[in-house]
Amino acid sequence: MPIRNIDPIQEFEYVQVTVELSLYPLDRNYLPAVVAFIRSLQSSQQHNRAGIEEIVVNQMSTQLRGDLVAVQQAITAALLHADEQGSTLSLVVKYLNADLPLASAVDLDAALQQARAPGA
């Protein structure tokens, strides 16, 4: 079966994703690289308001929500910035092809009820 040629910008520009990033700088002094990476992502959000809906930073990871193309461009820009700074790092990324609200807490009891509902 031949591989279909696609234009990712055109094909995926309206796909909404939720992405989780975990950054592991390979340096004992890791915090400056982590902060610079997050600030680069936040800068991308400010310059591309239509594409990145939300960025949430916590102690374990950073989550982004928005248009696939805009999110991917922000991640690429942050990686390029880290490379310019001479950082060596490992970035673990999880993509979910769904638009999940990040800042709202999950109601575990409601989630269990919904999972137990007939037809679920």
PDB file of N, CA and C in Angstrom:
ATOM      1  N   MET A   1       0.849  -1.176   0.000  1.00  0.00           N
ATOM      2  CA  MET A   1       0.000   0.000   0.000  1.00  0.00           C
ATOM      3  C   MET A   1       0.893   1.237   0.000  1.00  0.00           C
ATOM      4  N   PRO A   2       0.675   2.161  -0.932  1.00  0.00           N
ATOM      5  CA  PRO A   2       1.519   3.353  -0.985  1.00  0.00           C
ATOM      6  C   PRO A   2       1.253   4.274   0.208  1.00  0.00           C
ATOM      7  N   ILE A   3       2.299   4.960   0.619  1.00  0.00           N
ATOM      8  CA  ILE A   3       2.176   5.928   1.712  1.00  0.00           C
ATOM      9  C   ILE A   3       1.551   7.198   1.151  1.00  0.00           C
ATOM     10  N   ARG A   4       0.542   7.681   1.832  1.00  0.00           N
ATOM     11  CA  ARG A   4      -0.164   8.883   1.391  1.00  0.00           C
ATOM     12  C   ARG A   4       0.633  10.120   1.790  1.00  0.00           C
ATOM     13  N   ASN A   5       0.868  10.993   0.852  1.00  0.00           N
ATOM     14  CA  ASN A   5       1.530  12.264   1.148  1.00  0.00           C
ATOM     15  C   ASN A   5       0.512  13.226   1.734  1.00  0.00           C
ATOM     16  N   ILE A   6       0.855  13.830   2.867  1.00  0.00           N
ATOM     17  CA  ILE A   6      -0.051  14.784   3.498  1.00  0.00           C
ATOM     18  C   ILE A   6       0.681  16.081   3.775  1.00  0.00           C
ATOM     19  N   ASP A   7      -0.075  17.135   3.807  1.00  0.00           N
ATOM     20  CA  ASP A   7       0.442  18.431   4.234  1.00  0.00           C
ATOM     21  C   ASP A   7       0.021  18.591   5.693  1.00  0.00           C
ATOM     22  N   PRO A   8       0.948  18.411   6.663  1.00  0.00           N
ATOM     23  CA  PRO A   8       0.541  18.419   8.064  1.00  0.00           C
ATOM     24  C   PRO A   8      -0.117  19.714   8.508  1.00  0.00           C
ATOM     25  N   ILE A   9       0.284  20.824   7.949  1.00  0.00           N
ATOM     26  CA  ILE A   9      -0.316  22.094   8.356  1.00  0.00           C
ATOM     27  C   ILE A   9      -1.785  22.112   7.949  1.00  0.00           C
ATOM     28  N   GLN A  10      -2.051  21.703   6.733  1.00  0.00           N
ATOM     29  CA  GLN A  10      -3.423  21.724   6.230  1.00  0.00           C
ATOM     30  C   GLN A  10      -4.259  20.599   6.836  1.00  0.00           C
ATOM     31  N   GLU A  11      -3.688  19.412   6.920  1.00  0.00           N
ATOM     32  CA  GLU A  11      -4.416  18.227   7.361  1.00  0.00           C
ATOM     33  C   GLU A  11      -4.783  18.266   8.846  1.00  0.00           C
ATOM     34  N   PHE A  12      -3.892  18.823   9.687  1.00  0.00           N
ATOM     35  CA  PHE A  12      -4.073  18.721  11.130  1.00  0.00           C
ATOM     36  C   PHE A  12      -4.275  20.052  11.837  1.00  0.00           C
ATOM     37  N   GLU A  13      -4.528  21.125  11.118  1.00  0.00           N
ATOM     38  CA  GLU A  13      -4.570  22.418  11.780  1.00  0.00           C
ATOM     39  C   GLU A  13      -5.751  22.590  12.727  1.00  0.00           C
ATOM     40  N   TYR A  14      -6.760  21.740  12.631  1.00  0.00           N
ATOM     41  CA  TYR A  14      -7.904  21.870  13.542  1.00  0.00           C
ATOM     42  C   TYR A  14      -8.016  20.702  14.518  1.00  0.00           C
ATOM     43  N   VAL A  15      -7.014  19.843  14.562  1.00  0.00           N
ATOM     44  CA  VAL A  15      -6.997  18.742  15.514  1.00  0.00           C
ATOM     45  C   VAL A  15      -6.595  19.303  16.876  1.00  0.00           C
ATOM     46  N   GLN A  16      -7.440  19.076  17.874  1.00  0.00           N
ATOM     47  CA  GLN A  16      -7.159  19.545  19.223  1.00  0.00           C
ATOM     48  C   GLN A  16      -6.479  18.433  20.011  1.00  0.00           C
ATOM     49  N   VAL A  17      -5.437  18.799  20.744  1.00  0.00           N
ATOM     50  CA  VAL A  17      -4.688  17.816  21.518  1.00  0.00           C
ATOM     51  C   VAL A  17      -4.452  18.317  22.936  1.00  0.00           C
ATOM     52  N   THR A  18      -4.188  17.360  23.807  1.00  0.00           N
ATOM     53  CA  THR A  18      -3.697  17.638  25.144  1.00  0.00           C
ATOM     54  C   THR A  18      -2.368  16.912  25.233  1.00  0.00           C
ATOM     55  N   VAL A  19      -1.330  17.624  25.667  1.00  0.00           N
ATOM     56  CA  VAL A  19       0.028  17.096  25.639  1.00  0.00           C
ATOM     57  C   VAL A  19       0.651  17.247  27.012  1.00  0.00           C
ATOM     58  N   GLU A  20       1.363  16.209  27.440  1.00  0.00           N
ATOM     59  CA  GLU A  20       2.111  16.275  28.694  1.00  0.00           C
ATOM     60  C   GLU A  20       3.591  16.146  28.376  1.00  0.00           C
ATOM     61  N   LEU A  21       4.379  17.066  28.934  1.00  0.00           N
ATOM     62  CA  LEU A  21       5.824  17.097  28.707  1.00  0.00           C
ATOM     63  C   LEU A  21       6.556  16.881  30.026  1.00  0.00           C
ATOM     64  N   SER A  22       7.572  16.046  29.983  1.00  0.00           N
ATOM     65  CA  SER A  22       8.482  15.893  31.120  1.00  0.00           C
ATOM     66  C   SER A  22       9.894  16.082  30.582  1.00  0.00           C
ATOM     67  N   LEU A  23      10.588  17.051  31.130  1.00  0.00           N
ATOM     68  CA  LEU A  23      11.920  17.418  30.661  1.00  0.00           C
ATOM     69  C   LEU A  23      12.968  16.943  31.662  1.00  0.00           C
ATOM     70  N   TYR A  24      14.010  16.306  31.142  1.00  0.00           N
ATOM     71  CA  TYR A  24      15.093  15.792  31.969  1.00  0.00           C
ATOM     72  C   TYR A  24      16.430  16.316  31.447  1.00  0.00           C
ATOM     73  N   PRO A  25      16.880  17.478  31.926  1.00  0.00           N
ATOM     74  CA  PRO A  25      18.199  17.977  31.529  1.00  0.00           C
ATOM     75  C   PRO A  25      19.289  17.030  32.047  1.00  0.00           C
ATOM     76  N   LEU A  26      20.288  16.801  31.233  1.00  0.00           N
ATOM     77  CA  LEU A  26      21.387  15.914  31.612  1.00  0.00           C
ATOM     78  C   LEU A  26      22.527  16.749  32.188  1.00  0.00           C
ATOM     79  N   ASP A  27      22.216  17.406  33.307  1.00  0.00           N
ATOM     80  CA  ASP A  27      23.157  18.310  33.952  1.00  0.00           C
ATOM     81  C   ASP A  27      22.786  18.391  35.429  1.00  0.00           C
ATOM     82  N   ARG A  28      23.781  18.438  36.286  1.00  0.00           N
ATOM     83  CA  ARG A  28      23.497  18.555  37.727  1.00  0.00           C
ATOM     84  C   ARG A  28      22.734  19.839  38.051  1.00  0.00           C
ATOM     85  N   ASN A  29      23.046  20.893  37.348  1.00  0.00           N
ATOM     86  CA  ASN A  29      22.366  22.177  37.521  1.00  0.00           C
ATOM     87  C   ASN A  29      21.201  22.236  36.524  1.00  0.00           C
ATOM     88  N   TYR A  30      20.170  21.444  36.786  1.00  0.00           N
ATOM     89  CA  TYR A  30      19.080  21.231  35.833  1.00  0.00           C
ATOM     90  C   TYR A  30      18.013  22.323  35.829  1.00  0.00           C
ATOM     91  N   LEU A  31      17.828  23.005  36.951  1.00  0.00           N
ATOM     92  CA  LEU A  31      16.707  23.931  37.082  1.00  0.00           C
ATOM     93  C   LEU A  31      16.704  25.065  36.050  1.00  0.00           C
ATOM     94  N   PRO A  32      17.824  25.713  35.763  1.00  0.00           N
ATOM     95  CA  PRO A  32      17.789  26.776  34.751  1.00  0.00           C
ATOM     96  C   PRO A  32      17.304  26.291  33.384  1.00  0.00           C
ATOM     97  N   ALA A  33      17.687  25.088  32.984  1.00  0.00           N
ATOM     98  CA  ALA A  33      17.238  24.557  31.691  1.00  0.00           C
ATOM     99  C   ALA A  33      15.737  24.287  31.699  1.00  0.00           C
ATOM    100  N   VAL A  34      15.217  23.786  32.808  1.00  0.00           N
ATOM    101  CA  VAL A  34      13.779  23.515  32.919  1.00  0.00           C
ATOM    102  C   VAL A  34      12.993  24.818  32.858  1.00  0.00           C
ATOM    103  N   VAL A  35      13.432  25.812  33.622  1.00  0.00           N
ATOM    104  CA  VAL A  35      12.739  27.097  33.647  1.00  0.00           C
ATOM    105  C   VAL A  35      12.784  27.770  32.275  1.00  0.00           C
ATOM    106  N   ALA A  36      13.924  27.726  31.612  1.00  0.00           N
ATOM    107  CA  ALA A  36      14.046  28.326  30.280  1.00  0.00           C
ATOM    108  C   ALA A  36      13.130  27.626  29.276  1.00  0.00           C
ATOM    109  N   PHE A  37      13.025  26.315  29.370  1.00  0.00           N
ATOM    110  CA  PHE A  37      12.155  25.550  28.464  1.00  0.00           C
ATOM    111  C   PHE A  37      10.692  25.951  28.676  1.00  0.00           C
ATOM    112  N   ILE A  38      10.276  26.022  29.921  1.00  0.00           N
ATOM    113  CA  ILE A  38       8.888  26.396  30.233  1.00  0.00           C
ATOM    114  C   ILE A  38       8.610  27.826  29.794  1.00  0.00           C
ATOM    115  N   ARG A  39       9.535  28.729  30.052  1.00  0.00           N
ATOM    116  CA  ARG A  39       9.339  30.126  29.623  1.00  0.00           C
ATOM    117  C   ARG A  39       9.248  30.234  28.109  1.00  0.00           C
ATOM    118  N   SER A  40      10.000  29.418  27.401  1.00  0.00           N
ATOM    119  CA  SER A  40       9.915  29.405  25.944  1.00  0.00           C
ATOM    120  C   SER A  40       8.526  28.943  25.494  1.00  0.00           C
ATOM    121  N   LEU A  41       7.989  27.918  26.146  1.00  0.00           N
ATOM    122  CA  LEU A  41       6.626  27.463  25.825  1.00  0.00           C
ATOM    123  C   LEU A  41       5.614  28.569  26.104  1.00  0.00           C
ATOM    124  N   GLN A  42       5.755  29.220  27.248  1.00  0.00           N
ATOM    125  CA  GLN A  42       4.831  30.299  27.607  1.00  0.00           C
ATOM    126  C   GLN A  42       4.933  31.462  26.635  1.00  0.00           C
ATOM    127  N   SER A  43       6.124  31.752  26.160  1.00  0.00           N
ATOM    128  CA  SER A  43       6.320  32.801  25.170  1.00  0.00           C
ATOM    129  C   SER A  43       5.610  32.442  23.867  1.00  0.00           C
ATOM    130  N   SER A  44       5.688  31.178  23.478  1.00  0.00           N
ATOM    131  CA  SER A  44       4.983  30.727  22.270  1.00  0.00           C
ATOM    132  C   SER A  44       3.475  30.906  22.424  1.00  0.00           C
ATOM    133  N   GLN A  45       2.966  30.637  23.626  1.00  0.00           N
ATOM    134  CA  GLN A  45       1.534  30.803  23.865  1.00  0.00           C
ATOM    135  C   GLN A  45       1.134  32.261  23.706  1.00  0.00           C
ATOM    136  N   GLN A  46       1.945  33.171  24.197  1.00  0.00           N
ATOM    137  CA  GLN A  46       1.623  34.593  24.098  1.00  0.00           C
ATOM    138  C   GLN A  46       1.648  35.073  22.654  1.00  0.00           C
ATOM    139  N   HIS A  47       2.538  34.509  21.842  1.00  0.00           N
ATOM    140  CA  HIS A  47       2.645  34.928  20.450  1.00  0.00           C
ATOM    141  C   HIS A  47       1.666  34.196  19.541  1.00  0.00           C
ATOM    142  N   ASN A  48       1.058  33.135  20.017  1.00  0.00           N
ATOM    143  CA  ASN A  48       0.164  32.323  19.191  1.00  0.00           C
ATOM    144  C   ASN A  48      -1.108  32.019  19.973  1.00  0.00           C
ATOM    145  N   ARG A  49      -1.792  33.042  20.411  1.00  0.00           N
ATOM    146  CA  ARG A  49      -2.967  32.873  21.276  1.00  0.00           C
ATOM    147  C   ARG A  49      -4.058  32.009  20.656  1.00  0.00           C
ATOM    148  N   ALA A  50      -4.206  32.035  19.360  1.00  0.00           N
ATOM    149  CA  ALA A  50      -5.281  31.283  18.717  1.00  0.00           C
ATOM    150  C   ALA A  50      -5.038  29.786  18.758  1.00  0.00           C
ATOM    151  N   GLY A  51      -3.782  29.356  18.890  1.00  0.00           N
ATOM    152  CA  GLY A  51      -3.474  27.936  18.780  1.00  0.00           C
ATOM    153  C   GLY A  51      -3.306  27.197  20.088  1.00  0.00           C
ATOM    154  N   ILE A  52      -2.695  27.832  21.080  1.00  0.00           N
ATOM    155  CA  ILE A  52      -2.451  27.175  22.365  1.00  0.00           C
ATOM    156  C   ILE A  52      -3.446  27.736  23.372  1.00  0.00           C
ATOM    157  N   GLU A  53      -4.334  26.878  23.815  1.00  0.00           N
ATOM    158  CA  GLU A  53      -5.414  27.312  24.705  1.00  0.00           C
ATOM    159  C   GLU A  53      -4.968  27.449  26.153  1.00  0.00           C
ATOM    160  N   GLU A  54      -4.082  26.549  26.581  1.00  0.00           N
ATOM    161  CA  GLU A  54      -3.769  26.503  28.013  1.00  0.00           C
ATOM    162  C   GLU A  54      -2.407  25.838  28.223  1.00  0.00           C
ATOM    163  N   ILE A  55      -1.651  26.361  29.170  1.00  0.00           N
ATOM    164  CA  ILE A  55      -0.411  25.729  29.627  1.00  0.00           C
ATOM    165  C   ILE A  55      -0.482  25.663  31.143  1.00  0.00           C
ATOM    166  N   VAL A  56      -0.280  24.468  31.685  1.00  0.00           N
ATOM    167  CA  VAL A  56      -0.297  24.271  33.129  1.00  0.00           C
ATOM    168  C   VAL A  56       1.041  23.657  33.532  1.00  0.00           C
ATOM    169  N   VAL A  57       1.697  24.283  34.490  1.00  0.00           N
ATOM    170  CA  VAL A  57       2.993  23.817  34.975  1.00  0.00           C
ATOM    171  C   VAL A  57       2.799  23.319  36.401  1.00  0.00           C
ATOM    172  N   ASN A  58       3.309  22.124  36.689  1.00  0.00           N
ATOM    173  CA  ASN A  58       3.298  21.637  38.063  1.00  0.00           C
ATOM    174  C   ASN A  58       4.657  21.023  38.385  1.00  0.00           C
ATOM    175  N   GLN A  59       4.779  20.403  39.527  1.00  0.00           N
ATOM    176  CA  GLN A  59       6.070  19.899  39.982  1.00  0.00           C
ATOM    177  C   GLN A  59       6.582  18.716  39.164  1.00  0.00           C
ATOM    178  N   MET A  60       5.690  17.982  38.507  1.00  0.00           N
ATOM    179  CA  MET A  60       6.090  16.763  37.803  1.00  0.00           C
ATOM    180  C   MET A  60       6.183  16.909  36.290  1.00  0.00           C
ATOM    181  N   SER A  61       5.390  17.820  35.723  1.00  0.00           N
ATOM    182  CA  SER A  61       5.348  17.930  34.263  1.00  0.00           C
ATOM    183  C   SER A  61       4.687  19.242  33.865  1.00  0.00           C
ATOM    184  N   THR A  62       4.637  19.449  32.562  1.00  0.00           N
ATOM    185  CA  THR A  62       3.948  20.603  31.988  1.00  0.00           C
ATOM    186  C   THR A  62       2.941  20.076  30.986  1.00  0.00           C
ATOM    187  N   GLN A  63       1.731  20.596  31.030  1.00  0.00           N
ATOM    188  CA  GLN A  63       0.697  20.179  30.080  1.00  0.00           C
ATOM    189  C   GLN A  63       0.320  21.356  29.197  1.00  0.00           C
ATOM    190  N   LEU A  64       0.060  21.042  27.934  1.00  0.00           N
ATOM    191  CA  LEU A  64      -0.407  22.030  26.962  1.00  0.00           C
ATOM    192  C   LEU A  64      -1.691  21.506  26.351  1.00  0.00           C
ATOM    193  N   ARG A  65      -2.535  22.437  25.970  1.00  0.00           N
ATOM    194  CA  ARG A  65      -3.792  22.070  25.315  1.00  0.00           C
ATOM    195  C   ARG A  65      -4.015  23.046  24.178  1.00  0.00           C
ATOM    196  N   GLY A  66      -4.376  22.507  23.011  1.00  0.00           N
ATOM    197  CA  GLY A  66      -4.675  23.385  21.895  1.00  0.00           C
ATOM    198  C   GLY A  66      -4.552  22.694  20.562  1.00  0.00           C
ATOM    199  N   ASP A  67      -4.387  23.505  19.537  1.00  0.00           N
ATOM    200  CA  ASP A  67      -4.269  23.038  18.165  1.00  0.00           C
ATOM    201  C   ASP A  67      -2.968  22.255  17.995  1.00  0.00           C
ATOM    202  N   LEU A  68      -3.028  21.082  17.372  1.00  0.00           N
ATOM    203  CA  LEU A  68      -1.863  20.223  17.218  1.00  0.00           C
ATOM    204  C   LEU A  68      -0.682  20.953  16.592  1.00  0.00           C
ATOM    205  N   VAL A  69      -0.925  21.680  15.522  1.00  0.00           N
ATOM    206  CA  VAL A  69       0.164  22.357  14.826  1.00  0.00           C
ATOM    207  C   VAL A  69       0.799  23.426  15.717  1.00  0.00           C
ATOM    208  N   ALA A  70      -0.010  24.232  16.389  1.00  0.00           N
ATOM    209  CA  ALA A  70       0.518  25.288  17.262  1.00  0.00           C
ATOM    210  C   ALA A  70       1.282  24.698  18.443  1.00  0.00           C
ATOM    211  N   VAL A  71       0.755  23.627  19.030  1.00  0.00           N
ATOM    212  CA  VAL A  71       1.427  22.981  20.157  1.00  0.00           C
ATOM    213  C   VAL A  71       2.765  22.410  19.706  1.00  0.00           C
ATOM    214  N   GLN A  72       2.767  21.741  18.552  1.00  0.00           N
ATOM    215  CA  GLN A  72       4.012  21.152  18.054  1.00  0.00           C
ATOM    216  C   GLN A  72       5.044  22.233  17.729  1.00  0.00           C
ATOM    217  N   GLN A  73       4.587  23.342  17.172  1.00  0.00           N
ATOM    218  CA  GLN A  73       5.503  24.446  16.876  1.00  0.00           C
ATOM    219  C   GLN A  73       6.103  25.023  18.160  1.00  0.00           C
ATOM    220  N   ALA A  74       5.307  25.120  19.212  1.00  0.00           N
ATOM    221  CA  ALA A  74       5.805  25.638  20.493  1.00  0.00           C
ATOM    222  C   ALA A  74       6.849  24.697  21.091  1.00  0.00           C
ATOM    223  N   ILE A  75       6.597  23.398  21.016  1.00  0.00           N
ATOM    224  CA  ILE A  75       7.554  22.419  21.535  1.00  0.00           C
ATOM    225  C   ILE A  75       8.856  22.489  20.731  1.00  0.00           C
ATOM    226  N   THR A  76       8.735  22.579  19.418  1.00  0.00           N
ATOM    227  CA  THR A  76       9.917  22.674  18.556  1.00  0.00           C
ATOM    228  C   THR A  76      10.722  23.928  18.872  1.00  0.00           C
ATOM    229  N   ALA A  77      10.043  25.060  19.030  1.00  0.00           N
ATOM    230  CA  ALA A  77      10.738  26.317  19.350  1.00  0.00           C
ATOM    231  C   ALA A  77      11.464  26.209  20.688  1.00  0.00           C
ATOM    232  N   ALA A  78      10.828  25.587  21.685  1.00  0.00           N
ATOM    233  CA  ALA A  78      11.462  25.439  23.000  1.00  0.00           C
ATOM    234  C   ALA A  78      12.688  24.524  22.907  1.00  0.00           C
ATOM    235  N   LEU A  79      12.593  23.464  22.112  1.00  0.00           N
ATOM    236  CA  LEU A  79      13.752  22.577  21.936  1.00  0.00           C
ATOM    237  C   LEU A  79      14.899  23.291  21.232  1.00  0.00           C
ATOM    238  N   LEU A  80      14.575  24.072  20.208  1.00  0.00           N
ATOM    239  CA  LEU A  80      15.607  24.820  19.490  1.00  0.00           C
ATOM    240  C   LEU A  80      16.276  25.836  20.407  1.00  0.00           C
ATOM    241  N   HIS A  81      15.474  26.484  21.250  1.00  0.00           N
ATOM    242  CA  HIS A  81      16.029  27.443  22.209  1.00  0.00           C
ATOM    243  C   HIS A  81      16.965  26.741  23.187  1.00  0.00           C
ATOM    244  N   ALA A  82      16.560  25.559  23.678  1.00  0.00           N
ATOM    245  CA  ALA A  82      17.413  24.796  24.598  1.00  0.00           C
ATOM    246  C   ALA A  82      18.720  24.418  23.919  1.00  0.00           C
ATOM    247  N   ASP A  83      18.645  24.054  22.646  1.00  0.00           N
ATOM    248  CA  ASP A  83      19.857  23.699  21.904  1.00  0.00           C
ATOM    249  C   ASP A  83      20.778  24.909  21.758  1.00  0.00           C
ATOM    250  N   GLU A  84      20.195  26.071  21.485  1.00  0.00           N
ATOM    251  CA  GLU A  84      20.994  27.298  21.371  1.00  0.00           C
ATOM    252  C   GLU A  84      21.705  27.625  22.685  1.00  0.00           C
ATOM    253  N   GLN A  85      21.082  27.258  23.805  1.00  0.00           N
ATOM    254  CA  GLN A  85      21.670  27.519  25.117  1.00  0.00           C
ATOM    255  C   GLN A  85      22.709  26.471  25.497  1.00  0.00           C
ATOM    256  N   GLY A  86      22.865  25.459  24.653  1.00  0.00           N
ATOM    257  CA  GLY A  86      23.844  24.412  24.924  1.00  0.00           C
ATOM    258  C   GLY A  86      23.352  23.338  25.870  1.00  0.00           C
ATOM    259  N   SER A  87      22.056  23.278  26.097  1.00  0.00           N
ATOM    260  CA  SER A  87      21.504  22.277  27.007  1.00  0.00           C
ATOM    261  C   SER A  87      21.414  20.917  26.324  1.00  0.00           C
ATOM    262  N   THR A  88      21.801  19.884  27.054  1.00  0.00           N
ATOM    263  CA  THR A  88      21.566  18.516  26.615  1.00  0.00           C
ATOM    264  C   THR A  88      20.454  17.983  27.495  1.00  0.00           C
ATOM    265  N   LEU A  89      19.398  17.474  26.868  1.00  0.00           N
ATOM    266  CA  LEU A  89      18.244  17.075  27.650  1.00  0.00           C
ATOM    267  C   LEU A  89      17.475  15.958  26.970  1.00  0.00           C
ATOM    268  N   SER A  90      16.645  15.325  27.756  1.00  0.00           N
ATOM    269  CA  SER A  90      15.713  14.318  27.268  1.00  0.00           C
ATOM    270  C   SER A  90      14.314  14.867  27.501  1.00  0.00           C
ATOM    271  N   LEU A  91      13.484  14.798  26.472  1.00  0.00           N
ATOM    272  CA  LEU A  91      12.108  15.279  26.578  1.00  0.00           C
ATOM    273  C   LEU A  91      11.164  14.117  26.300  1.00  0.00           C
ATOM    274  N   VAL A  92      10.293  13.826  27.256  1.00  0.00           N
ATOM    275  CA  VAL A  92       9.283  12.784  27.103  1.00  0.00           C
ATOM    276  C   VAL A  92       7.954  13.486  26.873  1.00  0.00           C
ATOM    277  N   VAL A  93       7.269  13.109  25.780  1.00  0.00           N
ATOM    278  CA  VAL A  93       6.027  13.771  25.403  1.00  0.00           C
ATOM    279  C   VAL A  93       4.932  12.731  25.235  1.00  0.00           C
ATOM    280  N   LYS A  94       3.767  13.005  25.831  1.00  0.00           N
ATOM    281  CA  LYS A  94       2.578  12.163  25.635  1.00  0.00           C
ATOM    282  C   LYS A  94       1.513  13.019  24.961  1.00  0.00           C
ATOM    283  N   TYR A  95       0.957  12.507  23.867  1.00  0.00           N
ATOM    284  CA  TYR A  95      -0.100  13.206  23.133  1.00  0.00           C
ATOM    285  C   TYR A  95      -1.424  12.473  23.321  1.00  0.00           C
ATOM    286  N   LEU A  96      -2.468  13.235  23.534  1.00  0.00           N
ATOM    287  CA  LEU A  96      -3.827  12.706  23.576  1.00  0.00           C
ATOM    288  C   LEU A  96      -4.639  13.499  22.567  1.00  0.00           C
ATOM    289  N   ASN A  97      -5.278  12.811  21.636  1.00  0.00           N
ATOM    290  CA  ASN A  97      -6.045  13.519  20.608  1.00  0.00           C
ATOM    291  C   ASN A  97      -7.434  13.878  21.121  1.00  0.00           C
ATOM    292  N   ALA A  98      -7.439  14.627  22.209  1.00  0.00           N
ATOM    293  CA  ALA A  98      -8.667  15.113  22.829  1.00  0.00           C
ATOM    294  C   ALA A  98      -8.357  16.434  23.521  1.00  0.00           C
ATOM    295  N   ASP A  99      -9.361  17.257  23.659  1.00  0.00           N
ATOM    296  CA  ASP A  99      -9.227  18.572  24.261  1.00  0.00           C
ATOM    297  C   ASP A  99      -9.698  18.503  25.708  1.00  0.00           C
ATOM    298  N   LEU A 100      -8.774  18.240  26.623  1.00  0.00           N
ATOM    299  CA  LEU A 100      -9.122  18.123  28.040  1.00  0.00           C
ATOM    300  C   LEU A 100      -8.838  19.420  28.770  1.00  0.00           C
ATOM    301  N   PRO A 101      -9.758  19.896  29.599  1.00  0.00           N
ATOM    302  CA  PRO A 101      -9.463  21.082  30.409  1.00  0.00           C
ATOM    303  C   PRO A 101      -8.427  20.713  31.474  1.00  0.00           C
ATOM    304  N   LEU A 102      -7.342  21.436  31.509  1.00  0.00           N
ATOM    305  CA  LEU A 102      -6.226  21.067  32.384  1.00  0.00           C
ATOM    306  C   LEU A 102      -6.329  21.657  33.779  1.00  0.00           C
ATOM    307  N   ALA A 103      -6.819  22.850  33.892  1.00  0.00           N
ATOM    308  CA  ALA A 103      -6.790  23.546  35.179  1.00  0.00           C
ATOM    309  C   ALA A 103      -7.897  23.093  36.125  1.00  0.00           C
ATOM    310  N   SER A 104      -8.865  22.334  35.623  1.00  0.00           N
ATOM    311  CA  SER A 104      -9.951  21.907  36.504  1.00  0.00           C
ATOM    312  C   SER A 104      -9.615  20.567  37.144  1.00  0.00           C
ATOM    313  N   ALA A 105      -9.986  20.437  38.406  1.00  0.00           N
ATOM    314  CA  ALA A 105      -9.731  19.198  39.132  1.00  0.00           C
ATOM    315  C   ALA A 105     -10.656  18.094  38.643  1.00  0.00           C
ATOM    316  N   VAL A 106     -10.176  16.874  38.703  1.00  0.00           N
ATOM    317  CA  VAL A 106     -10.968  15.720  38.292  1.00  0.00           C
ATOM    318  C   VAL A 106     -11.817  15.259  39.473  1.00  0.00           C
ATOM    319  N   ASP A 107     -13.103  15.057  39.220  1.00  0.00           N
ATOM    320  CA  ASP A 107     -14.010  14.522  40.232  1.00  0.00           C
ATOM    321  C   ASP A 107     -13.981  13.005  40.093  1.00  0.00           C
ATOM    322  N   LEU A 108     -13.227  12.332  40.963  1.00  0.00           N
ATOM    323  CA  LEU A 108     -13.033  10.889  40.846  1.00  0.00           C
ATOM    324  C   LEU A 108     -14.334  10.116  41.036  1.00  0.00           C
ATOM    325  N   ASP A 109     -15.201  10.556  41.958  1.00  0.00           N
ATOM    326  CA  ASP A 109     -16.466   9.860  42.177  1.00  0.00           C
ATOM    327  C   ASP A 109     -17.349   9.940  40.939  1.00  0.00           C
ATOM    328  N   ALA A 110     -17.411  11.096  40.311  1.00  0.00           N
ATOM    329  CA  ALA A 110     -18.205  11.248  39.094  1.00  0.00           C
ATOM    330  C   ALA A 110     -17.635  10.397  37.965  1.00  0.00           C
ATOM    331  N   ALA A 111     -16.315  10.321  37.869  1.00  0.00           N
ATOM    332  CA  ALA A 111     -15.683   9.502  36.831  1.00  0.00           C
ATOM    333  C   ALA A 111     -16.026   8.029  37.038  1.00  0.00           C
ATOM    334  N   LEU A 112     -16.007   7.564  38.301  1.00  0.00           N
ATOM    335  CA  LEU A 112     -16.376   6.175  38.590  1.00  0.00           C
ATOM    336  C   LEU A 112     -17.837   5.907  38.257  1.00  0.00           C
ATOM    337  N   GLN A 113     -18.712   6.841  38.618  1.00  0.00           N
ATOM    338  CA  GLN A 113     -20.132   6.691  38.307  1.00  0.00           C
ATOM    339  C   GLN A 113     -20.352   6.604  36.809  1.00  0.00           C
ATOM    340  N   GLN A 114     -19.694   7.445  36.067  1.00  0.00           N
ATOM    341  CA  GLN A 114     -19.846   7.467  34.625  1.00  0.00           C
ATOM    342  C   GLN A 114     -19.328   6.167  34.016  1.00  0.00           C
ATOM    343  N   ALA A 115     -18.235   5.650  34.543  1.00  0.00           N
ATOM    344  CA  ALA A 115     -17.676   4.405  34.022  1.00  0.00           C
ATOM    345  C   ALA A 115     -18.575   3.218  34.306  1.00  0.00           C
ATOM    346  N   ARG A 116     -19.328   3.279  35.409  1.00  0.00           N
ATOM    347  CA  ARG A 116     -20.230   2.176  35.794  1.00  0.00           C
ATOM    348  C   ARG A 116     -21.602   2.283  35.150  1.00  0.00           C
ATOM    349  N   ALA A 117     -21.899   3.411  34.513  1.00  0.00           N
ATOM    350  CA  ALA A 117     -23.221   3.618  33.902  1.00  0.00           C
ATOM    351  C   ALA A 117     -23.442   2.621  32.774  1.00  0.00           C
ATOM    352  N   PRO A 118     -24.698   2.159  32.591  1.00  0.00           N
ATOM    353  CA  PRO A 118     -24.996   1.245  31.485  1.00  0.00           C
ATOM    354  C   PRO A 118     -24.610   1.858  30.133  1.00  0.00           C
ATOM    355  N   GLY A 119     -23.986   1.056  29.312  1.00  0.00           N
ATOM    356  CA  GLY A 119     -23.579   1.531  27.986  1.00  0.00           C
ATOM    357  C   GLY A 119     -22.251   2.237  27.974  1.00  0.00           C
ATOM    358  N   ALA A 120     -21.624   2.374  29.134  1.00  0.00           N
ATOM    359  CA  ALA A 120     -20.340   3.074  29.192  1.00  0.00           C
ATOM    360  C   ALA A 120     -19.201   2.148  28.811  1.00  0.00           C
TER     361      ALA A 120
END
